[in-house]
Protein backbone atom coordinates (compact mmCIF):
# COMPACT_ATOMS: atom_id res chain seq x y z
CA MET A 1 152.84 56.85 -28.71
CA GLY A 2 155.99 58.89 -28.24
CA PRO A 3 159.56 57.49 -28.34
CA LEU A 4 159.92 57.56 -24.54
CA ALA A 5 156.73 55.52 -24.04
CA ASN A 6 157.94 52.98 -26.61
CA LEU A 7 161.33 52.65 -24.92
CA THR A 8 159.61 52.25 -21.56
CA LEU A 9 157.43 49.40 -22.87
CA VAL A 10 160.46 47.61 -24.32
CA PHE A 11 162.38 48.11 -21.06
CA VAL A 12 159.47 46.62 -19.10
CA ALA A 13 159.38 43.60 -21.43
CA GLY A 14 163.10 43.07 -20.87
CA LEU A 15 162.59 43.48 -17.13
CA VAL A 16 159.86 40.82 -17.19
CA THR A 17 162.31 38.32 -18.69
CA ALA A 18 164.88 39.25 -16.04
CA LEU A 19 162.38 38.83 -13.21
CA ALA A 20 161.45 35.40 -14.59
CA THR A 21 164.98 34.26 -13.73
CA GLY A 22 164.07 34.64 -10.08
CA LEU A 23 161.41 31.94 -10.50
CA GLY A 24 164.23 29.44 -10.77
CA ALA A 25 164.96 29.91 -7.07
CA LEU A 26 161.38 29.27 -5.94
CA PRO A 27 161.65 25.44 -5.72
CA PHE A 28 164.07 25.88 -2.81
CA PHE A 29 161.30 27.48 -0.78
CA PHE A 30 159.68 24.03 -0.70
CA ILE A 31 162.45 21.44 -1.22
CA SER A 32 166.11 21.20 -0.26
CA GLU A 33 167.50 20.07 -3.61
CA VAL A 34 166.56 19.42 -7.24
CA SER A 35 167.42 16.11 -8.93
CA ASP A 36 169.98 15.94 -11.73
CA ARG A 37 167.36 14.36 -14.00
CA LEU A 38 165.04 17.34 -13.62
CA GLN A 39 167.88 19.81 -14.12
CA VAL A 40 168.96 18.14 -17.35
CA GLY A 41 165.38 18.11 -18.58
CA LEU A 42 164.99 21.81 -17.79
CA TRP A 43 168.18 22.69 -19.64
CA GLY A 44 166.85 20.70 -22.60
CA LEU A 45 163.54 22.58 -22.36
CA ALA A 46 165.37 25.92 -22.31
CA SER A 47 167.49 24.86 -25.29
CA GLY A 48 164.47 23.78 -27.31
CA ILE A 49 162.69 27.03 -26.56
CA MET A 50 165.67 29.18 -27.53
CA ILE A 51 166.46 27.33 -30.76
CA SER A 52 162.82 27.31 -31.87
CA ALA A 53 162.40 30.99 -30.96
CA SER A 54 165.56 31.89 -32.86
CA THR A 55 164.74 29.80 -35.92
CA PHE A 56 160.97 30.15 -36.27
CA GLY A 57 160.77 33.59 -34.71
CA LEU A 58 163.81 35.73 -35.45
CA ILE A 59 165.25 34.14 -38.59
CA LEU A 60 161.90 33.67 -40.33
CA GLU A 61 160.91 37.21 -39.40
CA GLY A 62 164.22 38.45 -40.79
CA MET A 63 163.54 36.60 -44.04
CA ALA A 64 160.05 38.10 -44.18
CA GLU A 65 161.59 41.57 -43.83
CA ALA A 66 164.21 40.86 -46.49
CA ASP A 67 163.80 42.62 -49.80
CA GLY A 68 166.40 41.23 -52.14
CA GLN A 69 169.67 39.34 -51.93
CA SER A 70 171.44 42.06 -49.98
CA ASP A 71 169.02 41.67 -47.07
CA TYR A 72 169.56 37.91 -46.99
CA LEU A 73 173.28 38.61 -46.83
CA LEU A 74 172.59 40.95 -43.91
CA ILE A 75 170.84 38.10 -42.07
CA VAL A 76 173.84 35.83 -42.62
CA ALA A 77 176.23 38.58 -41.55
CA GLY A 78 174.11 39.17 -38.43
CA LEU A 79 174.18 35.47 -37.58
CA ALA A 80 177.97 35.41 -37.90
CA ALA A 81 178.35 38.60 -35.86
CA GLY A 82 176.16 37.22 -33.06
CA VAL A 83 178.25 34.05 -32.86
CA ALA A 84 181.51 36.00 -33.05
CA LEU A 85 180.53 38.36 -30.24
CA VAL A 86 179.75 35.52 -27.84
CA VAL A 87 182.89 33.59 -28.83
CA VAL A 88 185.19 36.57 -28.29
CA ALA A 89 183.50 37.67 -25.08
CA ASN A 90 183.62 34.15 -23.62
CA ARG A 91 187.34 33.90 -24.41
CA VAL A 92 188.01 37.19 -22.67
CA ILE A 93 186.29 36.11 -19.45
CA SER A 94 186.79 32.31 -19.60
CA ASP A 95 189.55 32.30 -16.95
CA HIS A 96 187.54 34.34 -14.45
CA HIS A 97 185.15 32.90 -11.90
CA PHE A 98 183.28 34.64 -9.16
CA ASP A 99 181.36 33.73 -6.04
CA PRO A 100 177.87 35.28 -5.95
CA LYS A 101 178.06 35.29 -2.15
CA GLN A 102 180.86 37.85 -2.40
CA TYR A 103 178.97 40.39 -4.53
CA GLU A 104 178.44 42.73 -1.60
CA GLU A 105 182.16 42.77 -0.78
CA ALA A 106 183.28 43.20 -4.39
CA ASP A 107 185.62 46.06 -5.09
CA PHE A 108 185.16 48.19 -8.20
CA GLN A 109 187.40 46.03 -10.42
CA LYS A 110 185.64 42.82 -9.39
CA LEU A 111 182.23 44.45 -9.86
CA VAL A 112 183.16 45.45 -13.42
CA LEU A 113 184.25 41.86 -14.10
CA ILE A 114 181.02 40.46 -12.67
CA LEU A 115 178.90 42.83 -14.73
CA GLY A 116 180.93 41.92 -17.82
CA ILE A 117 180.28 38.21 -17.31
CA LEU A 118 176.58 38.76 -16.73
CA THR A 119 176.36 40.96 -19.82
CA VAL A 120 177.94 38.30 -22.02
CA HIS A 121 175.37 35.73 -20.95
CA SER A 122 172.27 37.93 -20.72
CA PHE A 123 172.74 40.76 -23.20
CA PRO A 124 172.02 38.71 -26.37
CA GLU A 125 168.69 37.63 -24.93
CA GLY A 126 167.79 41.25 -24.26
CA VAL A 127 168.79 42.10 -27.82
CA ALA A 128 166.37 39.44 -29.07
CA VAL A 129 163.54 41.05 -27.11
CA GLY A 130 164.39 44.53 -28.38
CA VAL A 131 164.64 43.47 -32.02
CA SER A 132 161.31 41.66 -31.78
CA PHE A 133 159.63 44.99 -30.93
CA ALA A 134 160.85 46.58 -34.18
CA GLU A 135 157.29 46.75 -35.58
CA LEU A 136 155.86 48.33 -32.42
CA ASN A 137 152.81 50.51 -33.13
CA LEU A 138 152.77 49.45 -36.78
CA GLU A 139 150.13 47.32 -38.50
CA GLY A 140 149.86 43.61 -37.80
CA GLY A 141 150.03 43.55 -34.00
CA PHE A 142 147.42 43.57 -31.28
CA ALA A 143 146.23 46.39 -29.06
CA PHE A 144 147.79 46.59 -25.61
CA GLY A 145 146.51 49.77 -24.02
CA PRO A 146 147.74 52.62 -26.21
CA PHE A 147 150.29 50.35 -27.98
CA VAL A 148 150.09 48.02 -30.97
CA VAL A 149 152.40 45.18 -29.97
CA PRO A 150 153.88 42.81 -32.61
CA LEU A 151 153.06 39.14 -32.10
CA LEU A 152 156.76 38.36 -32.47
CA ALA A 153 157.47 40.55 -29.44
CA VAL A 154 155.00 38.57 -27.32
CA PHE A 155 156.47 35.31 -28.61
CA MET A 156 160.06 36.29 -27.80
CA THR A 157 159.24 37.75 -24.40
CA VAL A 158 157.41 34.58 -23.39
CA ALA A 159 160.13 32.33 -24.84
CA ILE A 160 163.00 34.06 -23.07
CA SER A 161 161.06 34.30 -19.82
CA ILE A 162 160.50 30.53 -19.83
CA HIS A 163 164.10 29.94 -20.81
CA ASN A 164 165.33 32.07 -17.90
CA VAL A 165 163.72 29.84 -15.26
CA PRO A 166 166.28 26.99 -15.62
CA GLU A 167 169.05 29.61 -15.63
CA GLY A 168 167.76 30.92 -12.33
CA LEU A 169 167.70 27.36 -10.98
CA ALA A 170 171.29 26.78 -12.11
CA ILE A 171 172.37 29.96 -10.31
CA SER A 172 170.45 29.04 -7.15
CA ILE A 173 171.84 25.52 -6.72
CA PRO A 174 175.39 26.57 -5.71
CA LEU A 175 173.95 29.39 -3.60
CA ARG A 176 171.83 26.83 -1.73
CA SER A 177 175.00 24.84 -0.97
CA MET A 178 176.45 28.02 0.58
CA ASP A 179 173.36 28.48 2.79
CA VAL A 180 172.32 31.72 1.08
CA PRO A 181 168.79 32.68 2.24
CA ASN A 182 165.95 31.92 -0.18
CA TRP A 183 165.00 35.51 -0.96
CA LYS A 184 168.64 36.40 -1.60
CA MET A 185 168.81 33.53 -4.09
CA VAL A 186 165.85 35.06 -5.89
CA TRP A 187 167.63 38.43 -5.96
CA TRP A 188 170.93 37.03 -7.28
CA ALA A 189 169.06 35.08 -9.95
CA VAL A 190 167.28 38.26 -11.10
CA PHE A 191 170.52 40.23 -10.83
CA SER A 192 172.19 37.85 -13.28
CA SER A 193 169.67 38.86 -15.96
CA LEU A 194 169.55 42.62 -15.38
CA PRO A 195 171.50 43.32 -18.61
CA GLN A 196 168.47 42.05 -20.55
CA PRO A 197 166.24 45.16 -20.26
CA ILE A 198 169.25 47.32 -21.14
CA GLY A 199 170.03 45.18 -24.19
CA ALA A 200 166.36 45.27 -25.19
CA VAL A 201 166.21 49.07 -25.15
CA LEU A 202 169.50 49.51 -27.06
CA ALA A 203 168.54 46.97 -29.74
CA PHE A 204 165.07 48.44 -30.16
CA TYR A 205 166.44 51.97 -30.49
CA PHE A 206 169.00 50.85 -33.07
CA VAL A 207 166.57 48.98 -35.33
CA ARG A 208 164.08 51.86 -35.17
CA ILE A 209 166.60 54.48 -36.32
CA ALA A 210 168.34 52.18 -38.81
CA ARG A 211 165.57 50.00 -40.19
CA GLU A 212 167.65 49.03 -43.20
CA PHE A 213 169.73 46.93 -40.77
CA LEU A 214 166.71 45.17 -39.27
CA PRO A 215 167.44 41.83 -41.02
CA ALA A 216 170.96 41.95 -39.58
CA GLY A 217 169.49 42.63 -36.15
CA PHE A 218 167.26 39.56 -36.38
CA GLY A 219 170.24 37.49 -37.51
CA PHE A 220 172.50 38.83 -34.77
CA ALA A 221 170.08 37.97 -31.98
CA ALA A 222 169.40 34.51 -33.43
CA GLY A 223 173.08 33.72 -33.96
CA ALA A 224 174.05 34.73 -30.43
CA MET A 225 171.26 32.72 -28.80
CA ILE A 226 171.76 29.58 -30.91
CA TYR A 227 175.48 29.65 -30.17
CA LEU A 228 174.83 30.07 -26.45
CA VAL A 229 172.61 26.99 -26.53
CA LEU A 230 175.11 24.84 -28.42
CA SER A 231 178.21 26.01 -26.57
CA GLU A 232 176.86 26.34 -23.03
CA PHE A 233 173.37 24.98 -22.37
CA VAL A 234 173.80 21.57 -24.01
CA PRO A 235 177.30 20.92 -22.58
CA GLU A 236 176.07 22.05 -19.13
CA ALA A 237 173.14 19.63 -19.35
CA LEU A 238 175.32 16.71 -20.46
CA GLU A 239 177.87 17.39 -17.72
CA MET A 240 175.08 17.45 -15.16
CA GLY A 241 173.62 14.23 -16.54
CA SER A 242 176.90 12.33 -16.80
CA GLY A 243 175.98 10.17 -13.80
CA LEU A 244 172.50 9.30 -15.06
CA PRO A 245 171.58 6.19 -17.07
CA GLY A 246 172.31 7.02 -20.68
CA ARG A 247 174.45 9.98 -19.50
CA GLY A 248 171.46 12.31 -19.56
CA TYR A 249 170.82 12.20 -23.31
CA ARG A 250 167.27 10.91 -22.84
CA GLU A 251 166.34 13.74 -20.47
CA LEU A 252 168.04 16.33 -22.67
CA VAL A 253 166.29 15.17 -25.85
CA SER A 254 162.94 14.98 -24.03
CA GLY A 255 163.37 18.57 -22.88
CA LEU A 256 164.38 19.69 -26.37
CA VAL A 257 161.33 18.06 -27.94
CA LEU A 258 159.04 19.58 -25.32
CA GLY A 259 160.57 23.03 -25.88
CA PHE A 260 159.94 22.78 -29.62
CA ALA A 261 156.43 21.40 -29.07
CA VAL A 262 155.54 24.36 -26.85
CA MET A 263 157.05 27.18 -28.90
CA VAL A 264 156.74 26.17 -32.57
CA PRO A 265 152.91 26.34 -32.66
CA LEU A 266 153.05 29.77 -31.01
CA ALA A 267 155.42 30.98 -33.72
CA PHE A 268 152.78 30.37 -36.39
CA LEU A 269 149.82 31.93 -34.60
């Protein structure tokens, strides 16, 4: 297949993960609120999925691609770069908050800020999808129409899609308190992940034209996602579970274990 068809497939995969965020709003079509216990468990599930996908998917794949000590150093450098990017970006935007209900009234400056915040939180996940397609149309994948899709790409797309559901729920909860209509909650949840298909395409294009940096690409995506889990998902879950018996640790650990139990076997298929 030609380069444009490949980029289109990767974009669609990234778009699928973004659309999955909208599923987080669907419970509010049937119930008025979601319990703190369930929310903590879902954040734990998302964390387990992301850590297992990063470790047993991206990092192991990077090590499999490595050919000598220099490539292992590239993986480590990529991990550090992924962490550094998220740290710096979060510091830049940490003092800024925005109300999703005001998106439509946002002026240009506010819109740029909003898009910057969304990019910080969603772009690394898109990068992970794009990097996982590095072996597209090469040996070792499975036929999908005219494409040969790497198993890692399927694994990462599924993992990030599942992970995005609790994110969509977290976005929808405050919107529900502001009486935002259900279908608008779905839209804002999807909107929050729209940087993912863009990140997927850019990462895929980079690793295809500079394959010698592929181990660094795997490391970068893994480092960014693991840091996001440790610095944001876990603290968010524990803050949400602070009023529960055991302060939410039981629900968080249960979600983590379930996330690993679901994704680790898939990583070794």
